[in-house]
Structure formats: structure tokens, C-alpha cells
Amino acid sequence: MSHQSVVCIATTLSQADTIVERLKVAGFTHNEISLLFPEKTGRRDSAVDRETKVLSGAAGNAGPPEVASSSLGWLVGLGPVTVPDAGTFLAGGPIKAALNRRGFGGIAGALVGMGVPGYQAQRLEGQVRAGGIFISVHTDDPDEADFTKGIFGRSSAQDINISGGSTAELAMESPSRVCH
């Protein structure tokens, strides 16, 4: 089996919260899910800020209270990471460790280190810098990768892609995961 990363961009914290909750219910662990978004996404006075006040779920880690009290707060180590020449982001899961390693070259470099092709990593970095919420699931099982792609698609995420290994037809059900 080859390591695969299934990635997407959520456009709102509510959408990201829904995706993470669906992944959690399906049986993915917080160590398999990465999350990255600008720290200001959870703090600015905007529609996004008003939206975060309705998020609910398990309380947990660092970050704005509205994020920590949602399903997003369930992710391992969710907290601030400063990326040189990019600013401060909230990160959780494997991407946080990748960003904390020196020599990766920022967000795109960390994504490449996680198996995302360079051209896609550059595009994803631009979307995150613009306020998008990066979500990825890391798996060694191609069926789980396709199953995750289905969760992202049903959640109306953008820029959904599977990196590493081969991609098969979009799977709507997997024997090892529960689809909701």
C-alpha cells in the first residue's frame, strides 16, 4: 500500500467543522486529519466570525474559543504556528508537525513533504493565505482515500484531490468506515 493524502479546501469554519465531524464519525482518528487556516479566520469581525459562534461540539485545544468548542478542537495540537513570510496560522494534525520542521519552505514546502505535488501545494498555499481552510486525511488504504474524497465532495469542499498512489472511482461506502 502507498501513502495517500486526500486534500480539500473548505470555505467556512462551519463547513470545515461539518467535514471534520463526518470524518470523526466515520472512524478516522485525529492523527489522520490535518487542518490549517489563517489565525484571523476565527477572529475577524465578519460573517465568518458570526458563523463561528454557532459551532458546537467537544471542547479542547488552543485557538479561538469558537474553534476550540467545535469538532475542529478535537484535532491533535490545534494551535498557532508562525510561518515565515506568511503569518500566523492555526494548525492541527500531521501538518502542524510538518510546519514546525525547519527547512520545509513554508506551507507549500510542508505540503510537498506530506506528498502533495509541488504545483498543487503552491495553489493550496495561495488558497489558505486567502482565508481558505485546508483539510487533509492521510491513509495507506486506497479505498479509504476514495471514501474520504466522497465525504469532501458531499460536503461541497473545493479543490478535492488525492495525492500519492493511484486514484479509483469515487467510493461512497467503505467496509472499514461508516458514511454519514
Protein backbone atom coordinates (compact mmCIF):
# COMPACT_ATOMS: atom_id res chain seq x y z
CA MET A 1 0.00 0.00 0.00
CA SER A 2 1.17 3.52 -0.68
CA HIS A 3 0.67 6.58 1.47
CA GLN A 4 -2.03 8.90 0.17
CA SER A 5 -3.18 12.34 1.22
CA VAL A 6 -6.71 13.41 0.35
CA VAL A 7 -6.93 17.19 0.44
CA CYS A 8 -9.59 19.86 0.09
CA ILE A 9 -10.33 23.48 0.87
CA ALA A 10 -13.34 24.44 2.98
CA THR A 11 -14.58 27.99 2.55
CA THR A 12 -16.10 28.49 6.01
CA LEU A 13 -15.39 27.30 9.53
CA SER A 14 -18.87 25.78 9.64
CA GLN A 15 -18.15 23.73 6.53
CA ALA A 16 -14.78 22.64 7.95
CA ASP A 17 -16.46 21.68 11.22
CA THR A 18 -19.00 19.55 9.34
CA ILE A 19 -16.27 17.80 7.35
CA VAL A 20 -14.19 17.05 10.45
CA GLU A 21 -17.28 15.77 12.28
CA ARG A 22 -18.12 13.46 9.35
CA LEU A 23 -14.54 12.15 9.30
CA LYS A 24 -14.66 11.60 13.06
CA VAL A 25 -17.99 9.74 12.89
CA ALA A 26 -16.62 7.61 10.02
CA GLY A 27 -13.85 6.42 12.31
CA PHE A 28 -10.84 8.48 11.28
CA THR A 29 -8.57 9.42 14.17
CA HIS A 30 -7.35 12.91 14.99
CA ASN A 31 -3.84 11.73 13.99
CA GLU A 32 -5.02 11.06 10.41
CA ILE A 33 -6.52 14.52 9.83
CA SER A 34 -4.67 17.78 9.15
CA LEU A 35 -6.18 21.24 9.37
CA LEU A 36 -4.64 24.60 8.50
CA PHE A 37 -6.11 28.09 8.22
CA PRO A 38 -5.13 31.70 8.93
CA GLU A 39 -5.47 32.55 12.61
CA LYS A 40 -7.52 35.62 11.71
CA THR A 41 -10.24 33.41 10.16
CA GLY A 42 -11.58 32.70 13.63
CA ARG A 43 -11.16 36.23 14.98
CA ARG A 44 -12.10 38.85 12.44
CA ASP A 45 -15.36 40.74 12.68
CA SER A 46 -17.12 39.33 9.66
CA ALA A 47 -19.69 36.80 8.53
CA VAL A 48 -17.13 34.10 9.35
CA ASP A 49 -16.82 35.46 12.90
CA ARG A 50 -20.60 35.46 13.37
CA GLU A 51 -20.80 31.95 11.94
CA THR A 52 -18.24 30.53 14.38
CA LYS A 53 -20.49 31.44 17.30
CA VAL A 54 -22.91 28.68 16.30
CA LEU A 55 -20.30 25.90 16.09
CA SER A 56 -20.69 23.33 18.81
CA GLY A 57 -19.07 20.06 19.85
CA ALA A 58 -16.26 18.77 22.02
CA ALA A 59 -14.15 21.44 23.69
CA GLY A 60 -10.43 21.02 23.58
CA ASN A 61 -7.28 22.64 22.34
CA ALA A 62 -5.83 26.06 21.76
CA GLY A 63 -7.23 28.56 19.32
CA PRO A 64 -10.18 30.90 19.34
CA PRO A 65 -12.93 29.70 21.71
CA GLU A 66 -15.39 29.25 18.85
CA VAL A 67 -12.95 26.84 17.16
CA ALA A 68 -11.90 25.00 20.32
CA SER A 69 -15.54 24.33 21.18
CA SER A 70 -16.29 22.76 17.77
CA SER A 71 -15.32 19.44 16.20
CA LEU A 72 -12.22 21.25 14.96
CA GLY A 73 -11.00 21.48 18.55
CA TRP A 74 -10.83 17.66 18.64
CA LEU A 75 -7.79 17.65 16.34
CA VAL A 76 -4.43 16.95 17.92
CA GLY A 77 -2.41 20.01 18.82
CA LEU A 78 -4.71 22.56 17.21
CA GLY A 79 -2.96 25.80 17.90
CA PRO A 80 -0.99 28.67 16.39
CA VAL A 81 2.01 28.16 14.11
CA THR A 82 4.01 31.06 12.72
CA VAL A 83 5.09 30.54 9.13
CA PRO A 84 7.96 32.84 8.00
CA ASP A 85 6.82 35.38 5.41
CA ALA A 86 3.21 34.14 5.67
CA GLY A 87 1.91 34.95 9.15
CA THR A 88 0.23 33.00 11.92
CA PHE A 89 -1.99 30.04 11.18
CA LEU A 90 -3.96 27.58 13.27
CA ALA A 91 -2.81 24.05 12.53
CA GLY A 92 -3.62 20.60 13.82
CA GLY A 93 -2.62 17.04 12.99
CA PRO A 94 0.34 15.97 10.84
CA ILE A 95 0.60 19.31 9.01
CA LYS A 96 1.42 21.08 12.27
CA ALA A 97 4.43 18.81 12.77
CA ALA A 98 5.46 19.36 9.13
CA LEU A 99 5.26 23.15 9.54
CA ASN A 100 7.28 23.01 12.74
CA ARG A 101 10.14 21.17 11.00
CA ARG A 102 12.75 23.56 9.70
CA GLY A 103 13.83 23.56 6.08
CA PHE A 104 10.45 22.81 4.50
CA GLY A 105 9.99 26.25 2.99
CA GLY A 106 6.66 27.38 4.40
CA ILE A 107 3.22 26.00 3.71
CA ALA A 108 3.88 24.71 0.19
CA GLY A 109 7.08 23.02 1.35
CA ALA A 110 5.28 21.31 4.23
CA LEU A 111 2.58 20.09 1.84
CA VAL A 112 5.19 18.73 -0.57
CA GLY A 113 6.81 16.98 2.39
CA MET A 114 3.45 15.33 3.06
CA GLY A 115 3.22 14.03 -0.52
CA VAL A 116 1.27 16.82 -2.27
CA PRO A 117 2.73 17.64 -5.72
CA GLY A 118 4.52 20.99 -5.91
CA TYR A 119 2.10 22.67 -8.33
CA GLN A 120 -0.87 21.70 -6.16
CA ALA A 121 0.95 22.71 -2.96
CA GLN A 122 1.53 26.21 -4.35
CA ARG A 123 -2.15 26.56 -5.29
CA LEU A 124 -3.31 25.29 -1.88
CA GLU A 125 -0.96 27.68 -0.10
CA GLY A 126 -2.48 30.58 -2.02
CA GLN A 127 -5.99 29.48 -1.07
CA VAL A 128 -5.05 29.17 2.61
CA ARG A 129 -3.36 32.57 2.64
CA ALA A 130 -6.58 33.99 1.14
CA GLY A 131 -8.63 32.57 4.04
CA GLY A 132 -9.41 29.03 2.86
CA ILE A 133 -9.34 26.16 5.33
CA PHE A 134 -7.06 23.29 4.29
CA ILE A 135 -8.17 19.81 5.38
CA SER A 136 -6.41 16.56 4.59
CA VAL A 137 -6.68 12.92 5.56
CA HIS A 138 -3.64 10.68 5.48
CA THR A 139 -4.11 6.98 4.78
CA ASP A 140 -2.34 3.93 3.39
CA ASP A 141 -5.61 2.43 2.12
CA PRO A 142 -6.75 3.46 -1.40
CA ASP A 143 -10.37 2.60 -0.52
CA GLU A 144 -10.23 4.95 2.48
CA ALA A 145 -8.75 7.66 0.26
CA ASP A 146 -11.65 7.34 -2.16
CA PHE A 147 -14.13 7.20 0.73
CA THR A 148 -12.64 10.44 2.12
CA LYS A 149 -12.92 12.07 -1.29
CA GLY A 150 -16.63 11.22 -1.15
CA ILE A 151 -17.03 12.89 2.26
CA PHE A 152 -15.32 16.02 0.94
CA GLY A 153 -17.49 16.04 -2.18
CA ARG A 154 -20.76 15.60 -0.30
CA SER A 155 -19.67 18.46 1.96
CA SER A 156 -19.20 20.77 -1.06
CA ALA A 157 -15.49 21.26 -0.38
CA GLN A 158 -13.34 22.79 -3.10
CA ASP A 159 -10.12 21.64 -4.79
CA ILE A 160 -10.53 17.99 -3.75
CA ASN A 161 -7.58 15.83 -4.74
CA ILE A 162 -5.82 12.60 -3.85
CA SER A 163 -2.02 12.77 -3.83
CA GLY A 164 0.26 9.76 -3.88
CA GLY A 165 -0.74 6.30 -5.04
CA SER A 166 -3.46 5.70 -7.62
CA THR A 167 -6.98 7.04 -7.57
CA ALA A 168 -10.01 4.90 -8.28
CA GLU A 169 -13.64 5.72 -8.84
CA LEU A 170 -15.21 7.76 -6.08
CA ALA A 171 -16.28 5.33 -3.35
CA MET A 172 -19.44 6.17 -1.49
CA GLU A 173 -19.07 3.41 1.08
CA SER A 174 -16.09 1.61 2.58
CA PRO A 175 -16.12 -1.62 4.59
CA SER A 176 -13.89 -0.07 7.26
CA ARG A 177 -15.63 3.33 7.60
CA VAL A 178 -19.17 4.46 8.25
CA CYS A 179 -20.53 7.10 5.84
CA HIS A 180 -22.84 9.80 7.24
